[in-house]
Amino acid sequence: MTFGGLRIAYDHRVLTPRPWTAQQSRWAAQLMAGAPPGGVLELCCGAGHIGLLATALTPEPARRHLVAVDINPAAMAFTVSNAQNAGLSPWVEVRHGDLTAVLGTEESFALIIADPPWVPEAETTRFPQDPLQAIDGGVDGLEVARRCLEVAQRHLAPDGALLLQLGTREQVAQLDPASYGLTPLEVRTGERGVLVDLRQARPA
């Protein structure tokens, strides 16, 4: 398929890239322009389309090193091949494993992109065509999203941003970012779902 101008390969083992999620790529590219020094981390990357498009949209002199993470080995293989096909391999590093276990203690990132599963467990049967691992967010739909906030709490550079995709504005409030030292700077409602720009909370 074509995703924002990139040819993206995938199959039934990963979530089909949603065209509307290109909004997250475009916003991420804009944030990169003003982000502090450092690389970009993509959590729950799937076929890699969101992070790869954000990288492609960033002019080459300003491109950041992208670390793409997913627990699904098929997702990792597709991210590697999609990066190669887009000519982006020099900027992309792929790490397979649990998102809280594949980062070094001292690693920090200027931008973190995350599109975690956010469908409540009891509602996943509404989407039989989607891989369960890619959509099941646990009892309240936010179990993986909370782990993304944990990663940001530990690895987001000062003045960096976490750009998180969820299902609804209500989920943003339910997530309680303040308990992770993060505060929403802006929330945008898209065609399906919402995007939230989270920053480190400033001391009062």
N, C-alpha and C. Protein backbone atom coordinates (compact mmCIF):
# COMPACT_ATOMS: atom_id res chain seq x y z
N MET A 1 0.84 -1.19 0.00
CA MET A 1 0.00 0.00 0.00
C MET A 1 0.88 1.25 0.00
N THR A 2 0.27 2.38 -0.37
CA THR A 2 0.96 3.66 -0.29
C THR A 2 0.50 4.39 0.96
N PHE A 3 1.44 4.82 1.76
CA PHE A 3 1.15 5.52 3.01
C PHE A 3 1.88 6.85 2.97
N GLY A 4 1.15 7.92 2.74
CA GLY A 4 1.76 9.24 2.69
C GLY A 4 2.85 9.36 1.65
N GLY A 5 2.77 8.58 0.58
CA GLY A 5 3.78 8.62 -0.46
C GLY A 5 4.83 7.52 -0.36
N LEU A 6 4.87 6.78 0.76
CA LEU A 6 5.81 5.67 0.92
C LEU A 6 5.12 4.36 0.58
N ARG A 7 5.85 3.46 -0.07
CA ARG A 7 5.35 2.11 -0.28
C ARG A 7 5.61 1.30 0.98
N ILE A 8 4.53 0.81 1.60
CA ILE A 8 4.64 0.06 2.85
C ILE A 8 4.12 -1.36 2.64
N ALA A 9 4.98 -2.33 2.94
CA ALA A 9 4.59 -3.74 2.87
C ALA A 9 4.14 -4.22 4.25
N TYR A 10 3.18 -5.13 4.27
CA TYR A 10 2.67 -5.70 5.52
C TYR A 10 1.87 -6.94 5.16
N ASP A 11 1.49 -7.71 6.18
CA ASP A 11 0.57 -8.82 5.96
C ASP A 11 -0.31 -9.01 7.19
N HIS A 12 -1.00 -10.15 7.28
CA HIS A 12 -1.98 -10.37 8.33
C HIS A 12 -1.38 -10.42 9.73
N ARG A 13 -0.06 -10.53 9.83
CA ARG A 13 0.57 -10.65 11.14
C ARG A 13 0.73 -9.29 11.84
N VAL A 14 0.55 -8.22 11.11
CA VAL A 14 0.65 -6.88 11.69
C VAL A 14 -0.62 -6.10 11.36
N LEU A 15 -0.82 -5.03 12.09
CA LEU A 15 -1.99 -4.19 11.87
C LEU A 15 -1.87 -3.50 10.51
N THR A 16 -2.95 -3.54 9.74
CA THR A 16 -2.97 -2.83 8.46
C THR A 16 -2.76 -1.33 8.71
N PRO A 17 -1.78 -0.71 8.07
CA PRO A 17 -1.59 0.73 8.27
C PRO A 17 -2.84 1.52 7.93
N ARG A 18 -3.25 2.38 8.84
CA ARG A 18 -4.44 3.21 8.63
C ARG A 18 -4.01 4.52 7.98
N PRO A 19 -4.60 4.90 6.85
CA PRO A 19 -4.18 6.13 6.17
C PRO A 19 -4.24 7.36 7.07
N TRP A 20 -5.23 7.43 7.96
CA TRP A 20 -5.39 8.63 8.79
C TRP A 20 -4.27 8.79 9.82
N THR A 21 -3.52 7.72 10.09
CA THR A 21 -2.43 7.86 11.05
C THR A 21 -1.24 8.64 10.48
N ALA A 22 -1.30 8.96 9.19
CA ALA A 22 -0.27 9.83 8.61
C ALA A 22 -0.28 11.20 9.28
N GLN A 23 -1.41 11.55 9.91
CA GLN A 23 -1.46 12.80 10.67
C GLN A 23 -0.43 12.79 11.79
N GLN A 24 -0.22 11.63 12.42
CA GLN A 24 0.79 11.52 13.47
C GLN A 24 2.18 11.70 12.89
N SER A 25 2.42 11.15 11.70
CA SER A 25 3.72 11.31 11.04
C SER A 25 4.00 12.79 10.74
N ARG A 26 3.00 13.47 10.19
CA ARG A 26 3.20 14.88 9.83
C ARG A 26 3.46 15.73 11.06
N TRP A 27 2.72 15.48 12.12
CA TRP A 27 2.92 16.25 13.35
C TRP A 27 4.30 15.94 13.94
N ALA A 28 4.69 14.68 13.91
CA ALA A 28 6.01 14.30 14.42
C ALA A 28 7.11 15.02 13.66
N ALA A 29 6.98 15.10 12.34
CA ALA A 29 7.99 15.79 11.53
C ALA A 29 8.08 17.26 11.91
N GLN A 30 6.94 17.88 12.19
CA GLN A 30 6.94 19.28 12.62
C GLN A 30 7.63 19.43 13.97
N LEU A 31 7.37 18.49 14.89
CA LEU A 31 7.99 18.56 16.21
C LEU A 31 9.49 18.36 16.14
N MET A 32 9.94 17.53 15.21
CA MET A 32 11.38 17.29 15.06
C MET A 32 12.12 18.59 14.77
N ALA A 33 11.47 19.47 14.02
CA ALA A 33 12.14 20.70 13.61
C ALA A 33 12.53 21.56 14.81
N GLY A 34 11.72 21.51 15.88
CA GLY A 34 12.01 22.34 17.05
C GLY A 34 12.45 21.57 18.27
N ALA A 35 12.70 20.27 18.09
CA ALA A 35 13.06 19.43 19.24
C ALA A 35 14.51 19.66 19.64
N PRO A 36 14.84 19.36 20.89
CA PRO A 36 16.24 19.47 21.33
C PRO A 36 17.09 18.41 20.63
N PRO A 37 18.40 18.47 20.77
CA PRO A 37 19.26 17.46 20.16
C PRO A 37 18.88 16.05 20.64
N GLY A 38 19.01 15.10 19.75
CA GLY A 38 18.72 13.72 20.12
C GLY A 38 17.92 13.01 19.07
N GLY A 39 17.79 11.71 19.25
CA GLY A 39 17.09 10.88 18.29
C GLY A 39 15.61 10.78 18.56
N VAL A 40 14.97 9.91 17.76
CA VAL A 40 13.53 9.67 17.84
C VAL A 40 13.31 8.20 18.20
N LEU A 41 12.38 7.95 19.09
CA LEU A 41 12.00 6.61 19.49
C LEU A 41 10.56 6.36 19.07
N GLU A 42 10.32 5.25 18.36
CA GLU A 42 8.95 4.88 18.02
C GLU A 42 8.60 3.59 18.75
N LEU A 43 7.56 3.64 19.57
CA LEU A 43 7.07 2.49 20.33
C LEU A 43 5.87 1.87 19.63
N CYS A 44 5.80 0.53 19.64
CA CYS A 44 4.68 -0.17 19.00
C CYS A 44 4.63 0.20 17.53
N CYS A 45 5.74 0.03 16.83
CA CYS A 45 5.88 0.59 15.49
C CYS A 45 5.13 -0.17 14.41
N GLY A 46 4.74 -1.42 14.66
CA GLY A 46 4.06 -2.17 13.61
C GLY A 46 4.94 -2.29 12.38
N ALA A 47 4.38 -2.01 11.19
CA ALA A 47 5.14 -2.10 9.95
C ALA A 47 6.12 -0.94 9.78
N GLY A 48 6.14 -0.02 10.74
CA GLY A 48 7.10 1.07 10.73
C GLY A 48 6.66 2.31 9.98
N HIS A 49 5.44 2.30 9.48
CA HIS A 49 4.99 3.35 8.56
C HIS A 49 4.96 4.75 9.16
N ILE A 50 4.53 4.86 10.43
CA ILE A 50 4.40 6.19 11.03
C ILE A 50 5.77 6.84 11.22
N GLY A 51 6.70 6.12 11.82
CA GLY A 51 8.03 6.67 12.04
C GLY A 51 8.79 6.88 10.74
N LEU A 52 8.63 5.97 9.79
CA LEU A 52 9.34 6.11 8.52
C LEU A 52 8.84 7.33 7.75
N LEU A 53 7.52 7.53 7.74
CA LEU A 53 7.00 8.71 7.03
C LEU A 53 7.45 9.99 7.72
N ALA A 54 7.46 10.02 9.04
CA ALA A 54 7.94 11.20 9.76
C ALA A 54 9.40 11.49 9.39
N THR A 55 10.20 10.44 9.27
CA THR A 55 11.60 10.60 8.89
C THR A 55 11.71 11.11 7.46
N ALA A 56 10.92 10.53 6.56
CA ALA A 56 10.96 10.94 5.16
C ALA A 56 10.53 12.39 4.97
N LEU A 57 9.60 12.85 5.81
CA LEU A 57 9.10 14.23 5.70
C LEU A 57 10.08 15.26 6.27
N THR A 58 11.09 14.79 6.98
CA THR A 58 12.08 15.69 7.57
C THR A 58 13.23 15.88 6.58
N PRO A 59 13.55 17.11 6.22
CA PRO A 59 14.66 17.34 5.29
C PRO A 59 15.93 16.63 5.76
N GLU A 60 16.66 16.05 4.83
CA GLU A 60 17.78 15.18 5.17
C GLU A 60 18.78 15.79 6.16
N PRO A 61 19.17 17.05 6.02
CA PRO A 61 20.14 17.57 7.00
C PRO A 61 19.62 17.59 8.44
N ALA A 62 18.30 17.62 8.58
CA ALA A 62 17.71 17.70 9.92
C ALA A 62 17.18 16.36 10.42
N ARG A 63 17.35 15.29 9.66
CA ARG A 63 16.80 13.99 10.07
C ARG A 63 17.46 13.49 11.34
N ARG A 64 16.66 12.79 12.13
CA ARG A 64 17.14 12.21 13.39
C ARG A 64 17.26 10.70 13.24
N HIS A 65 18.12 10.14 14.05
CA HIS A 65 18.21 8.68 14.16
C HIS A 65 16.91 8.16 14.76
N LEU A 66 16.29 7.19 14.11
CA LEU A 66 15.02 6.62 14.55
C LEU A 66 15.25 5.22 15.10
N VAL A 67 14.84 5.00 16.36
CA VAL A 67 14.86 3.67 16.96
C VAL A 67 13.42 3.16 16.99
N ALA A 68 13.14 2.11 16.24
CA ALA A 68 11.78 1.56 16.13
C ALA A 68 11.69 0.27 16.95
N VAL A 69 10.67 0.20 17.80
CA VAL A 69 10.54 -0.92 18.75
C VAL A 69 9.18 -1.60 18.58
N ASP A 70 9.20 -2.93 18.59
CA ASP A 70 7.95 -3.69 18.62
C ASP A 70 8.26 -5.08 19.17
N ILE A 71 7.27 -5.68 19.80
CA ILE A 71 7.45 -7.02 20.37
C ILE A 71 7.17 -8.11 19.35
N ASN A 72 6.58 -7.74 18.22
CA ASN A 72 6.20 -8.69 17.18
C ASN A 72 7.34 -8.83 16.17
N PRO A 73 7.94 -10.01 16.02
CA PRO A 73 9.06 -10.15 15.08
C PRO A 73 8.67 -9.86 13.64
N ALA A 74 7.43 -10.14 13.26
CA ALA A 74 7.00 -9.82 11.90
C ALA A 74 7.01 -8.31 11.67
N ALA A 75 6.60 -7.56 12.69
CA ALA A 75 6.63 -6.10 12.58
C ALA A 75 8.05 -5.61 12.37
N MET A 76 8.99 -6.19 13.07
CA MET A 76 10.38 -5.79 12.94
C MET A 76 10.91 -6.07 11.53
N ALA A 77 10.55 -7.22 10.99
CA ALA A 77 11.01 -7.57 9.64
C ALA A 77 10.43 -6.61 8.61
N PHE A 78 9.18 -6.25 8.75
CA PHE A 78 8.57 -5.31 7.81
C PHE A 78 9.17 -3.91 7.96
N THR A 79 9.46 -3.50 9.17
CA THR A 79 10.06 -2.18 9.37
C THR A 79 11.43 -2.10 8.69
N VAL A 80 12.21 -3.16 8.82
CA VAL A 80 13.52 -3.20 8.17
C VAL A 80 13.37 -3.10 6.66
N SER A 81 12.50 -3.93 6.08
CA SER A 81 12.35 -3.94 4.62
C SER A 81 11.72 -2.64 4.11
N ASN A 82 10.77 -2.09 4.87
CA ASN A 82 10.15 -0.83 4.45
C ASN A 82 11.14 0.33 4.51
N ALA A 83 12.01 0.31 5.50
CA ALA A 83 13.05 1.34 5.58
C ALA A 83 14.01 1.22 4.40
N GLN A 84 14.37 -0.01 4.06
CA GLN A 84 15.26 -0.23 2.91
C GLN A 84 14.62 0.26 1.62
N ASN A 85 13.36 -0.10 1.41
CA ASN A 85 12.67 0.28 0.18
C ASN A 85 12.48 1.78 0.05
N ALA A 86 12.41 2.48 1.19
CA ALA A 86 12.24 3.93 1.17
C ALA A 86 13.57 4.67 1.13
N GLY A 87 14.67 3.93 1.18
CA GLY A 87 15.98 4.56 1.21
C GLY A 87 16.31 5.23 2.53
N LEU A 88 15.69 4.74 3.61
CA LEU A 88 15.84 5.36 4.92
C LEU A 88 16.67 4.53 5.90
N SER A 89 17.21 3.41 5.45
CA SER A 89 17.95 2.53 6.36
C SER A 89 19.05 3.22 7.14
N PRO A 90 19.78 4.19 6.56
CA PRO A 90 20.86 4.82 7.34
C PRO A 90 20.38 5.53 8.60
N TRP A 91 19.09 5.87 8.64
CA TRP A 91 18.57 6.61 9.80
C TRP A 91 17.78 5.73 10.76
N VAL A 92 17.63 4.44 10.45
CA VAL A 92 16.69 3.60 11.19
C VAL A 92 17.41 2.43 11.87
N GLU A 93 17.09 2.26 13.15
CA GLU A 93 17.55 1.11 13.94
C GLU A 93 16.33 0.40 14.49
N VAL A 94 16.28 -0.90 14.35
CA VAL A 94 15.13 -1.69 14.78
C VAL A 94 15.51 -2.52 16.00
N ARG A 95 14.63 -2.51 17.01
CA ARG A 95 14.86 -3.31 18.21
C ARG A 95 13.62 -4.14 18.51
N HIS A 96 13.81 -5.43 18.60
CA HIS A 96 12.72 -6.36 18.86
C HIS A 96 12.69 -6.70 20.34
N GLY A 97 11.53 -6.49 20.97
CA GLY A 97 11.40 -6.87 22.37
C GLY A 97 10.40 -5.99 23.10
N ASP A 98 10.28 -6.26 24.38
CA ASP A 98 9.37 -5.48 25.23
C ASP A 98 9.83 -4.03 25.29
N LEU A 99 8.89 -3.11 25.16
CA LEU A 99 9.27 -1.70 25.05
C LEU A 99 9.93 -1.15 26.30
N THR A 100 9.75 -1.80 27.44
CA THR A 100 10.41 -1.33 28.66
C THR A 100 11.76 -2.00 28.88
N ALA A 101 12.15 -2.93 27.98
CA ALA A 101 13.37 -3.72 28.22
C ALA A 101 14.44 -3.53 27.15
N VAL A 102 14.16 -2.82 26.07
CA VAL A 102 15.12 -2.76 24.96
C VAL A 102 15.94 -1.47 24.95
N LEU A 103 15.74 -0.63 25.95
CA LEU A 103 16.46 0.64 25.99
C LEU A 103 17.50 0.64 27.11
N GLY A 104 18.64 1.26 26.84
CA GLY A 104 19.65 1.40 27.85
C GLY A 104 19.25 2.42 28.90
N THR A 105 19.74 2.26 30.09
CA THR A 105 19.36 3.13 31.20
C THR A 105 19.59 4.60 30.90
N GLU A 106 20.68 4.90 30.21
CA GLU A 106 21.05 6.29 29.98
C GLU A 106 20.54 6.85 28.66
N GLU A 107 19.83 6.06 27.87
CA GLU A 107 19.36 6.55 26.58
C GLU A 107 18.24 7.58 26.77
N SER A 108 18.29 8.64 25.97
CA SER A 108 17.20 9.62 25.98
C SER A 108 16.91 10.03 24.56
N PHE A 109 15.69 10.51 24.34
CA PHE A 109 15.22 10.82 22.99
C PHE A 109 14.52 12.17 22.99
N ALA A 110 14.75 12.91 21.90
CA ALA A 110 14.14 14.22 21.76
C ALA A 110 12.65 14.12 21.44
N LEU A 111 12.27 13.02 20.78
CA LEU A 111 10.87 12.80 20.42
C LEU A 111 10.56 11.32 20.55
N ILE A 112 9.42 11.02 21.16
CA ILE A 112 8.92 9.65 21.25
C ILE A 112 7.57 9.61 20.55
N ILE A 113 7.43 8.68 19.61
CA ILE A 113 6.18 8.47 18.88
C ILE A 113 5.60 7.14 19.36
N ALA A 114 4.31 7.13 19.69
CA ALA A 114 3.71 5.88 20.17
C ALA A 114 2.29 5.74 19.66
N ASP A 115 2.00 4.59 19.08
CA ASP A 115 0.64 4.25 18.65
C ASP A 115 0.31 2.89 19.25
N PRO A 116 0.09 2.85 20.57
CA PRO A 116 -0.12 1.56 21.25
C PRO A 116 -1.52 1.01 21.00
N PRO A 117 -1.74 -0.27 21.26
CA PRO A 117 -3.10 -0.81 21.25
C PRO A 117 -3.95 -0.06 22.28
N TRP A 118 -5.16 0.37 21.90
CA TRP A 118 -5.98 1.12 22.86
C TRP A 118 -7.43 0.63 22.91
N VAL A 119 -7.72 -0.51 22.27
CA VAL A 119 -9.08 -1.06 22.31
C VAL A 119 -9.24 -1.86 23.60
N PRO A 120 -10.29 -1.59 24.41
CA PRO A 120 -10.52 -2.41 25.60
C PRO A 120 -10.68 -3.89 25.24
N GLU A 121 -10.17 -4.73 26.08
CA GLU A 121 -10.14 -6.18 25.81
C GLU A 121 -11.50 -6.73 25.40
N ALA A 122 -12.56 -6.30 26.09
CA ALA A 122 -13.90 -6.83 25.82
C ALA A 122 -14.45 -6.40 24.47
N GLU A 123 -13.83 -5.39 23.84
CA GLU A 123 -14.33 -4.88 22.57
C GLU A 123 -13.51 -5.34 21.37
N THR A 124 -12.47 -6.12 21.60
CA THR A 124 -11.59 -6.51 20.50
C THR A 124 -12.30 -7.40 19.49
N THR A 125 -13.36 -8.10 19.88
CA THR A 125 -14.08 -8.97 18.94
C THR A 125 -14.77 -8.17 17.84
N ARG A 126 -14.87 -6.86 18.01
CA ARG A 126 -15.45 -6.02 16.97
C ARG A 126 -14.52 -5.89 15.77
N PHE A 127 -13.26 -6.29 15.94
CA PHE A 127 -12.26 -6.11 14.89
C PHE A 127 -11.57 -7.45 14.58
N PRO A 128 -12.34 -8.44 14.10
CA PRO A 128 -11.77 -9.78 13.90
C PRO A 128 -10.67 -9.83 12.85
N GLN A 129 -10.61 -8.82 11.98
CA GLN A 129 -9.60 -8.82 10.93
C GLN A 129 -8.24 -8.35 11.44
N ASP A 130 -8.18 -7.79 12.64
CA ASP A 130 -6.93 -7.23 13.17
C ASP A 130 -6.23 -8.21 14.10
N PRO A 131 -4.89 -8.27 14.05
CA PRO A 131 -4.16 -9.12 15.01
C PRO A 131 -4.45 -8.66 16.44
N LEU A 132 -4.81 -9.60 17.29
CA LEU A 132 -5.20 -9.26 18.66
C LEU A 132 -4.10 -8.51 19.38
N GLN A 133 -2.86 -8.92 19.21
CA GLN A 133 -1.74 -8.29 19.90
C GLN A 133 -1.62 -6.80 19.54
N ALA A 134 -2.06 -6.44 18.33
CA ALA A 134 -1.91 -5.07 17.85
C ALA A 134 -3.01 -4.13 18.32
N ILE A 135 -4.12 -4.69 18.84
CA ILE A 135 -5.23 -3.82 19.22
C ILE A 135 -5.65 -3.95 20.68
N ASP A 136 -5.29 -5.05 21.33
CA ASP A 136 -5.77 -5.31 22.69
C ASP A 136 -5.00 -4.47 23.70
N GLY A 137 -5.70 -3.47 24.26
CA GLY A 137 -5.09 -2.60 25.26
C GLY A 137 -5.38 -2.99 26.69
N GLY A 138 -5.85 -4.22 26.91
CA GLY A 138 -6.14 -4.65 28.27
C GLY A 138 -7.54 -4.26 28.70
N VAL A 139 -7.82 -4.43 29.98
CA VAL A 139 -9.17 -4.26 30.50
C VAL A 139 -9.76 -2.90 30.14
N ASP A 140 -9.00 -1.84 30.33
CA ASP A 140 -9.53 -0.50 30.05
C ASP A 140 -8.97 0.10 28.76
N GLY A 141 -8.19 -0.69 28.02
CA GLY A 141 -7.63 -0.20 26.77
C GLY A 141 -6.35 0.60 26.91
N LEU A 142 -5.85 0.77 28.13
CA LEU A 142 -4.74 1.68 28.35
C LEU A 142 -3.50 1.03 28.97
N GLU A 143 -3.48 -0.29 29.05
CA GLU A 143 -2.35 -0.95 29.70
C GLU A 143 -1.04 -0.67 28.97
N VAL A 144 -1.04 -0.79 27.64
CA VAL A 144 0.19 -0.55 26.89
C VAL A 144 0.50 0.94 26.84
N ALA A 145 -0.52 1.77 26.75
CA ALA A 145 -0.31 3.23 26.75
C ALA A 145 0.38 3.67 28.04
N ARG A 146 0.00 3.08 29.17
CA ARG A 146 0.65 3.43 30.43
C ARG A 146 2.13 3.05 30.40
N ARG A 147 2.44 1.95 29.77
CA ARG A 147 3.84 1.54 29.67
C ARG A 147 4.61 2.49 28.77
N CYS A 148 3.95 3.04 27.77
CA CYS A 148 4.59 4.06 26.92
C CYS A 148 4.92 5.30 27.76
N LEU A 149 4.02 5.66 28.67
CA LEU A 149 4.29 6.81 29.54
C LEU A 149 5.45 6.50 30.49
N GLU A 150 5.53 5.26 30.95
CA GLU A 150 6.67 4.88 31.80
C GLU A 150 7.99 5.05 31.05
N VAL A 151 8.00 4.64 29.79
CA VAL A 151 9.20 4.80 28.97
C VAL A 151 9.54 6.28 28.82
N ALA A 152 8.52 7.10 28.54
CA ALA A 152 8.75 8.54 28.38
C ALA A 152 9.27 9.15 29.67
N GLN A 153 8.74 8.71 30.79
CA GLN A 153 9.18 9.23 32.09
C GLN A 153 10.67 9.01 32.29
N ARG A 154 11.18 7.89 31.77
CA ARG A 154 12.59 7.53 31.97
C ARG A 154 13.50 8.02 30.84
N HIS A 155 12.96 8.16 29.63
CA HIS A 155 13.84 8.32 28.48
C HIS A 155 13.56 9.56 27.62
N LEU A 156 12.61 10.39 28.01
CA LEU A 156 12.34 11.61 27.24
C LEU A 156 13.31 12.69 27.67
N ALA A 157 14.00 13.28 26.69
CA ALA A 157 14.97 14.34 26.98
C ALA A 157 14.25 15.58 27.50
N PRO A 158 14.92 16.40 28.30
CA PRO A 158 14.34 17.67 28.72
C PRO A 158 13.92 18.48 27.49
N ASP A 159 12.73 19.04 27.55
CA ASP A 159 12.14 19.81 26.44
C ASP A 159 11.78 18.94 25.24
N GLY A 160 11.82 17.62 25.41
CA GLY A 160 11.37 16.72 24.36
C GLY A 160 9.86 16.54 24.41
N ALA A 161 9.34 15.75 23.47
CA ALA A 161 7.89 15.55 23.36
C ALA A 161 7.56 14.08 23.15
N LEU A 162 6.46 13.66 23.75
CA LEU A 162 5.86 12.35 23.48
C LEU A 162 4.60 12.59 22.67
N LEU A 163 4.55 12.05 21.46
CA LEU A 163 3.36 12.18 20.60
C LEU A 163 2.64 10.84 20.60
N LEU A 164 1.53 10.81 21.32
CA LEU A 164 0.81 9.57 21.62
C LEU A 164 -0.53 9.53 20.90
N GLN A 165 -0.84 8.38 20.32
CA GLN A 165 -2.14 8.18 19.66
C GLN A 165 -3.03 7.30 20.54
N LEU A 166 -4.27 7.75 20.76
CA LEU A 166 -5.26 7.00 21.53
C LEU A 166 -6.59 7.04 20.79
N GLY A 167 -7.61 6.42 21.40
CA GLY A 167 -8.91 6.35 20.74
C GLY A 167 -9.78 7.56 20.95
N THR A 168 -9.77 8.11 22.19
CA THR A 168 -10.67 9.20 22.52
C THR A 168 -10.00 10.19 23.47
N ARG A 169 -10.58 11.40 23.54
CA ARG A 169 -10.11 12.38 24.51
C ARG A 169 -10.34 11.89 25.94
N GLU A 170 -11.39 11.11 26.14
CA GLU A 170 -11.65 10.57 27.47
C GLU A 170 -10.51 9.65 27.92
N GLN A 171 -9.94 8.91 26.99
CA GLN A 171 -8.82 8.05 27.34
C GLN A 171 -7.60 8.88 27.77
N VAL A 172 -7.41 10.04 27.16
CA VAL A 172 -6.29 10.90 27.55
C VAL A 172 -6.42 11.28 29.02
N ALA A 173 -7.63 11.68 29.43
CA ALA A 173 -7.85 12.06 30.83
C ALA A 173 -7.72 10.85 31.75
N GLN A 174 -8.24 9.71 31.30
CA GLN A 174 -8.19 8.49 32.11
C GLN A 174 -6.76 8.01 32.32
N LEU A 175 -5.91 8.30 31.36
CA LEU A 175 -4.51 7.87 31.43
C LEU A 175 -3.75 8.56 32.56
N ASP A 176 -4.20 9.75 32.94
CA ASP A 176 -3.59 10.51 34.04
C ASP A 176 -2.09 10.74 33.81
N PRO A 177 -1.73 11.49 32.76
CA PRO A 177 -0.31 11.71 32.45
C PRO A 177 0.46 12.37 33.59
N ALA A 178 -0.22 13.17 34.41
CA ALA A 178 0.47 13.87 35.50
C ALA A 178 1.16 12.90 36.45
N SER A 179 0.60 11.70 36.60
CA SER A 179 1.20 10.73 37.51
C SER A 179 2.53 10.20 36.97
N TYR A 180 2.83 10.50 35.70
CA TYR A 180 4.10 10.11 35.10
C TYR A 180 4.99 11.34 34.87
N GLY A 181 4.63 12.44 35.46
CA GLY A 181 5.40 13.66 35.30
C GLY A 181 5.25 14.30 33.94
N LEU A 182 4.12 14.03 33.27
CA LEU A 182 3.87 14.56 31.94
C LEU A 182 2.58 15.38 31.93
N THR A 183 2.52 16.33 31.03
CA THR A 183 1.33 17.16 30.91
C THR A 183 0.97 17.34 29.44
N PRO A 184 -0.32 17.26 29.08
CA PRO A 184 -0.71 17.46 27.68
C PRO A 184 -0.54 18.92 27.27
N LEU A 185 0.20 19.13 26.20
CA LEU A 185 0.34 20.48 25.66
C LEU A 185 -0.75 20.77 24.65
N GLU A 186 -1.12 19.75 23.86
CA GLU A 186 -2.16 19.91 22.85
C GLU A 186 -2.76 18.56 22.53
N VAL A 187 -4.07 18.54 22.29
CA VAL A 187 -4.77 17.33 21.87
C VAL A 187 -5.50 17.63 20.57
N ARG A 188 -5.29 16.80 19.56
CA ARG A 188 -5.96 16.97 18.27
C ARG A 188 -6.83 15.76 17.98
N THR A 189 -8.06 16.01 17.57
CA THR A 189 -8.97 14.94 17.18
C THR A 189 -8.85 14.69 15.69
N GLY A 190 -8.58 13.45 15.34
CA GLY A 190 -8.41 13.10 13.93
C GLY A 190 -9.63 12.41 13.37
N GLU A 191 -9.45 11.84 12.19
CA GLU A 191 -10.55 11.13 11.53
C GLU A 191 -11.06 10.00 12.40
N ARG A 192 -10.13 9.28 13.01
CA ARG A 192 -10.47 8.22 13.96
C ARG A 192 -9.40 8.23 15.04
N GLY A 193 -9.77 8.60 16.23
CA GLY A 193 -8.80 8.66 17.31
C GLY A 193 -8.30 10.06 17.57
N VAL A 194 -7.41 10.16 18.55
CA VAL A 194 -6.85 11.46 18.94
C VAL A 194 -5.34 11.35 19.05
N LEU A 195 -4.69 12.50 18.91
CA LEU A 195 -3.25 12.61 19.13
C LEU A 195 -3.03 13.60 20.25
N VAL A 196 -2.08 13.29 21.12
CA VAL A 196 -1.78 14.19 22.24
C VAL A 196 -0.27 14.41 22.31
N ASP A 197 0.10 15.67 22.40
CA ASP A 197 1.49 16.09 22.56
C ASP A 197 1.73 16.27 24.05
N LEU A 198 2.57 15.39 24.61
CA LEU A 198 2.84 15.40 26.05
C LEU A 198 4.27 15.88 26.31
N ARG A 199 4.40 16.73 27.32
CA ARG A 199 5.71 17.26 27.70
C ARG A 199 5.95 16.99 29.18
N GLN A 200 7.21 17.08 29.58
CA GLN A 200 7.53 16.94 30.98
C GLN A 200 6.91 18.10 31.77
N ALA A 201 6.27 17.76 32.86
CA ALA A 201 5.62 18.79 33.68
C ALA A 201 6.68 19.69 34.30
N ARG A 202 6.42 20.99 34.30
CA ARG A 202 7.32 21.96 34.90
C ARG A 202 7.02 22.11 36.39
N PRO A 203 8.03 22.25 37.21
CA PRO A 203 7.78 22.48 38.63
C PRO A 203 6.95 23.75 38.82
N ALA A 204 6.04 23.70 39.78
CA ALA A 204 5.18 24.87 40.03
C ALA A 204 6.00 26.01 40.61
